[in-house]
Structures are given as structure tokens and as C-alpha cells.
């Protein structure tokens, strides 16, 4: 069996830095509410990515400044755990 990528390198980032999350939800308004619930008053940019072929899902890109790895991971986990969000990439 051939190993295609056996890298175990940790992601090296210089903080603070801009970070983007791709979010998938059932509807745009629910996604916007979830973002507000998680990041409250933090400055961010939210842009439409695309809708699924059948219109059942919408994906959007959330970009904001993260201060350190814990901050970046906390936001990821909080978004992932929110009931209005189906998936976070």
C-alpha cells in the first residue's frame, strides 16, 4: 500500500491573521443568525458561496481576524456545534 501524503506537519500561522470558514446551512437567514450567535460583535465579512442544485442548502464564506490557535479552534467548534449550521469547512 502506497502512502500518498504522510505529512504530520502542524499548520504554522502567524497570529493574529485573517481566517476563512466555509459554512453550509439550510437557509441564509439561519446561517446569519448562527454567525451572530457565535461571533457576536466581532468584525467579519460574510459572502455568498453557492446554493445546492436543489436549493436545499446554501454555503457562505465567513472571514474574520483570529487572535491565536485557541481562538480559531473555538470559533470552528462553536460554529460546528450550532444547530443552524450543517457543516463547517
N, C-alpha and C. Protein backbone atom coordinates (compact mmCIF):
# COMPACT_ATOMS: atom_id res chain seq x y z
N UNK A 1 0.84 -1.18 0.00
CA UNK A 1 0.00 0.00 0.00
C UNK A 1 0.88 1.24 0.00
N UNK A 2 0.59 2.15 -0.88
CA UNK A 2 1.39 3.37 -1.01
C UNK A 2 0.75 4.49 -0.20
N UNK A 3 1.57 5.19 0.57
CA UNK A 3 1.08 6.35 1.32
C UNK A 3 1.28 7.58 0.45
N UNK A 4 0.17 8.25 0.18
CA UNK A 4 0.23 9.42 -0.71
C UNK A 4 0.77 10.63 0.03
N UNK A 5 0.27 10.86 1.25
CA UNK A 5 0.71 12.03 1.99
C UNK A 5 0.85 11.63 3.46
N UNK A 6 2.06 11.46 3.91
CA UNK A 6 2.28 11.06 5.29
C UNK A 6 2.78 12.22 6.15
N UNK A 7 2.52 13.42 5.70
CA UNK A 7 2.98 14.59 6.44
C UNK A 7 2.23 14.73 7.75
N UNK A 8 2.95 15.01 8.78
CA UNK A 8 2.33 15.25 10.08
C UNK A 8 2.66 16.67 10.54
N UNK A 9 3.04 17.52 9.59
CA UNK A 9 3.40 18.89 9.92
C UNK A 9 2.19 19.62 10.49
N UNK A 10 2.46 20.40 11.52
CA UNK A 10 1.42 21.23 12.11
C UNK A 10 1.33 22.52 11.30
N UNK A 11 0.13 23.02 11.15
CA UNK A 11 -0.09 24.26 10.42
C UNK A 11 0.61 25.40 11.15
N UNK A 12 1.50 26.09 10.46
CA UNK A 12 2.22 27.20 11.07
C UNK A 12 1.60 28.51 10.61
N UNK A 13 1.00 29.22 11.54
CA UNK A 13 0.38 30.50 11.23
C UNK A 13 0.97 31.58 12.13
N UNK A 14 1.02 32.80 11.60
CA UNK A 14 1.41 33.93 12.41
C UNK A 14 0.15 34.66 12.82
N UNK A 15 -0.08 34.76 14.12
CA UNK A 15 -1.28 35.41 14.64
C UNK A 15 -0.97 36.82 15.08
N UNK A 16 -1.96 37.71 15.03
CA UNK A 16 -3.30 37.49 14.50
C UNK A 16 -3.27 37.40 12.98
N UNK A 17 -4.25 36.70 12.43
CA UNK A 17 -4.34 36.55 10.99
C UNK A 17 -5.80 36.43 10.56
N UNK A 18 -6.03 36.67 9.30
CA UNK A 18 -7.37 36.53 8.74
C UNK A 18 -7.60 35.04 8.47
N UNK A 19 -8.79 34.53 8.82
CA UNK A 19 -9.10 33.13 8.63
C UNK A 19 -10.48 33.01 8.01
N UNK A 20 -10.64 32.07 7.09
CA UNK A 20 -11.92 31.88 6.42
C UNK A 20 -12.51 30.52 6.77
N UNK A 21 -13.80 30.53 7.05
CA UNK A 21 -14.57 29.31 7.29
C UNK A 21 -15.64 29.22 6.21
N UNK A 22 -15.82 28.06 5.63
CA UNK A 22 -16.93 27.84 4.70
C UNK A 22 -18.03 27.16 5.50
N UNK A 23 -19.21 27.77 5.47
CA UNK A 23 -20.34 27.31 6.28
C UNK A 23 -21.48 26.86 5.37
N UNK A 24 -22.09 25.75 5.73
CA UNK A 24 -23.22 25.21 4.96
C UNK A 24 -24.41 25.10 5.90
N UNK A 25 -25.55 25.62 5.43
CA UNK A 25 -26.77 25.60 6.24
C UNK A 25 -27.97 25.41 5.34
N UNK A 26 -29.12 25.24 5.97
CA UNK A 26 -30.36 25.05 5.23
C UNK A 26 -30.88 26.33 4.59
N UNK A 27 -30.63 27.46 5.25
CA UNK A 27 -31.08 28.73 4.68
C UNK A 27 -30.19 29.88 5.15
N UNK A 28 -30.13 30.91 4.33
CA UNK A 28 -29.23 32.04 4.56
C UNK A 28 -29.51 32.72 5.89
N UNK A 29 -30.78 32.98 6.19
CA UNK A 29 -31.13 33.70 7.42
C UNK A 29 -30.71 32.92 8.66
N UNK A 30 -30.89 31.60 8.65
CA UNK A 30 -30.48 30.77 9.78
C UNK A 30 -28.96 30.79 9.94
N UNK A 31 -28.26 30.81 8.84
CA UNK A 31 -26.81 30.86 8.87
C UNK A 31 -26.34 32.20 9.45
N UNK A 32 -26.97 33.28 9.03
CA UNK A 32 -26.61 34.60 9.55
C UNK A 32 -26.87 34.69 11.06
N UNK A 33 -27.97 34.11 11.51
CA UNK A 33 -28.27 34.11 12.95
C UNK A 33 -27.22 33.32 13.71
N UNK A 34 -26.82 32.18 13.18
CA UNK A 34 -25.81 31.35 13.83
C UNK A 34 -24.50 32.12 13.95
N UNK A 35 -24.10 32.80 12.90
CA UNK A 35 -22.86 33.58 12.93
C UNK A 35 -22.95 34.65 14.00
N UNK A 36 -24.09 35.34 14.05
CA UNK A 36 -24.28 36.38 15.07
C UNK A 36 -24.20 35.77 16.47
N UNK A 37 -24.79 34.61 16.67
CA UNK A 37 -24.76 33.94 17.98
C UNK A 37 -23.33 33.59 18.40
N UNK A 38 -22.51 33.21 17.45
CA UNK A 38 -21.16 32.73 17.77
C UNK A 38 -20.14 33.86 17.89
N UNK A 39 -20.14 34.77 16.94
CA UNK A 39 -19.07 35.79 16.95
C UNK A 39 -19.54 37.14 17.46
N UNK A 40 -20.81 37.27 17.79
CA UNK A 40 -21.41 38.45 18.39
C UNK A 40 -21.02 39.71 17.64
N UNK A 41 -20.18 40.55 18.22
CA UNK A 41 -19.88 41.87 17.63
C UNK A 41 -18.53 41.92 16.90
N UNK A 42 -17.90 40.78 16.70
CA UNK A 42 -16.59 40.82 16.03
C UNK A 42 -16.75 41.21 14.57
N UNK A 43 -15.82 42.01 14.10
CA UNK A 43 -15.84 42.42 12.71
C UNK A 43 -15.58 41.21 11.83
N UNK A 44 -16.37 41.08 10.77
CA UNK A 44 -16.24 39.93 9.88
C UNK A 44 -16.79 40.28 8.50
N UNK A 45 -16.48 39.42 7.56
CA UNK A 45 -17.02 39.53 6.20
C UNK A 45 -17.73 38.22 5.89
N UNK A 46 -18.96 38.34 5.42
CA UNK A 46 -19.75 37.17 5.05
C UNK A 46 -20.13 37.30 3.59
N UNK A 47 -19.72 36.33 2.78
CA UNK A 47 -20.03 36.37 1.35
C UNK A 47 -20.71 35.07 0.93
N UNK A 48 -21.61 35.19 -0.02
CA UNK A 48 -22.33 34.03 -0.55
C UNK A 48 -21.37 33.19 -1.37
N UNK A 49 -21.42 31.89 -1.19
CA UNK A 49 -20.59 30.99 -1.98
C UNK A 49 -21.44 30.37 -3.08
N UNK A 50 -22.43 29.53 -2.69
CA UNK A 50 -23.34 28.97 -3.68
C UNK A 50 -24.51 28.29 -3.02
N UNK A 51 -25.51 27.96 -3.81
CA UNK A 51 -26.66 27.20 -3.35
C UNK A 51 -26.55 25.81 -3.96
N UNK A 52 -27.08 24.82 -3.25
CA UNK A 52 -27.07 23.47 -3.81
C UNK A 52 -28.01 23.42 -5.01
N UNK A 53 -27.80 22.43 -5.84
CA UNK A 53 -28.59 22.30 -7.07
C UNK A 53 -30.09 22.32 -6.80
N UNK A 54 -30.53 21.61 -5.77
CA UNK A 54 -31.96 21.56 -5.45
C UNK A 54 -32.42 22.70 -4.57
N UNK A 55 -31.50 23.58 -4.15
CA UNK A 55 -31.86 24.71 -3.31
C UNK A 55 -32.05 24.35 -1.85
N UNK A 56 -31.67 23.14 -1.46
CA UNK A 56 -31.87 22.70 -0.08
C UNK A 56 -30.82 23.29 0.85
N UNK A 57 -29.64 23.61 0.33
CA UNK A 57 -28.55 24.13 1.15
C UNK A 57 -27.95 25.38 0.55
N UNK A 58 -27.40 26.22 1.41
CA UNK A 58 -26.68 27.41 0.99
C UNK A 58 -25.31 27.36 1.66
N UNK A 59 -24.29 27.78 0.94
CA UNK A 59 -22.96 27.87 1.56
C UNK A 59 -22.48 29.31 1.47
N UNK A 60 -21.81 29.72 2.54
CA UNK A 60 -21.29 31.08 2.62
C UNK A 60 -19.89 31.04 3.20
N UNK A 61 -19.11 32.07 2.90
CA UNK A 61 -17.75 32.18 3.41
C UNK A 61 -17.72 33.24 4.51
N UNK A 62 -17.20 32.88 5.66
CA UNK A 62 -17.05 33.79 6.78
C UNK A 62 -15.57 34.05 6.97
N UNK A 63 -15.19 35.31 6.94
CA UNK A 63 -13.78 35.66 7.13
C UNK A 63 -13.68 36.65 8.28
N UNK A 64 -12.74 36.38 9.18
CA UNK A 64 -12.53 37.28 10.31
C UNK A 64 -11.12 37.13 10.84
N UNK A 65 -10.73 38.07 11.69
CA UNK A 65 -9.41 38.06 12.30
C UNK A 65 -9.44 37.13 13.50
N UNK A 66 -8.53 36.16 13.52
CA UNK A 66 -8.40 35.28 14.68
C UNK A 66 -7.10 35.65 15.40
N UNK A 67 -7.14 35.61 16.72
CA UNK A 67 -6.02 36.11 17.51
C UNK A 67 -4.98 35.07 17.85
N UNK A 68 -5.39 33.80 17.89
CA UNK A 68 -4.45 32.71 18.18
C UNK A 68 -5.12 31.39 17.81
N UNK A 69 -4.39 30.30 17.96
CA UNK A 69 -4.93 28.99 17.56
C UNK A 69 -6.16 28.61 18.38
N UNK A 70 -6.14 28.92 19.67
CA UNK A 70 -7.30 28.61 20.51
C UNK A 70 -8.54 29.37 20.04
N UNK A 71 -8.37 30.62 19.68
CA UNK A 71 -9.47 31.44 19.18
C UNK A 71 -10.02 30.84 17.89
N UNK A 72 -9.12 30.48 16.98
CA UNK A 72 -9.51 29.91 15.69
C UNK A 72 -10.27 28.60 15.90
N UNK A 73 -9.77 27.74 16.76
CA UNK A 73 -10.42 26.45 17.03
C UNK A 73 -11.73 26.62 17.78
N UNK A 74 -11.79 27.58 18.71
CA UNK A 74 -13.03 27.82 19.45
C UNK A 74 -14.15 28.23 18.49
N UNK A 75 -13.84 29.14 17.59
CA UNK A 75 -14.85 29.59 16.63
C UNK A 75 -15.30 28.43 15.75
N UNK A 76 -14.36 27.64 15.27
CA UNK A 76 -14.70 26.47 14.46
C UNK A 76 -15.65 25.54 15.21
N UNK A 77 -15.31 25.19 16.44
CA UNK A 77 -16.12 24.26 17.22
C UNK A 77 -17.49 24.85 17.55
N UNK A 78 -17.54 26.15 17.86
CA UNK A 78 -18.81 26.79 18.19
C UNK A 78 -19.72 26.84 16.96
N UNK A 79 -19.15 27.13 15.79
CA UNK A 79 -19.94 27.15 14.56
C UNK A 79 -20.44 25.74 14.25
N UNK A 80 -19.56 24.75 14.37
CA UNK A 80 -19.90 23.36 14.07
C UNK A 80 -21.01 22.85 14.99
N UNK A 81 -21.02 23.31 16.23
CA UNK A 81 -22.00 22.85 17.21
C UNK A 81 -23.34 23.56 17.10
N UNK A 82 -23.39 24.67 16.36
CA UNK A 82 -24.64 25.45 16.28
C UNK A 82 -25.70 24.67 15.51
N UNK A 83 -26.91 24.67 16.04
CA UNK A 83 -28.00 23.90 15.43
C UNK A 83 -28.36 24.35 14.01
N UNK A 84 -28.09 25.59 13.64
CA UNK A 84 -28.46 26.08 12.31
C UNK A 84 -27.42 25.76 11.24
N UNK A 85 -26.26 25.29 11.64
CA UNK A 85 -25.17 25.04 10.69
C UNK A 85 -25.02 23.54 10.47
N UNK A 86 -25.06 23.14 9.20
CA UNK A 86 -24.94 21.72 8.84
C UNK A 86 -23.48 21.26 8.80
N UNK A 87 -22.58 22.14 8.30
CA UNK A 87 -21.19 21.75 8.13
C UNK A 87 -20.29 22.99 8.13
N UNK A 88 -19.07 22.82 8.66
CA UNK A 88 -18.05 23.88 8.65
C UNK A 88 -16.80 23.31 8.01
N UNK A 89 -16.29 24.00 7.02
CA UNK A 89 -15.05 23.57 6.35
C UNK A 89 -13.99 24.63 6.54
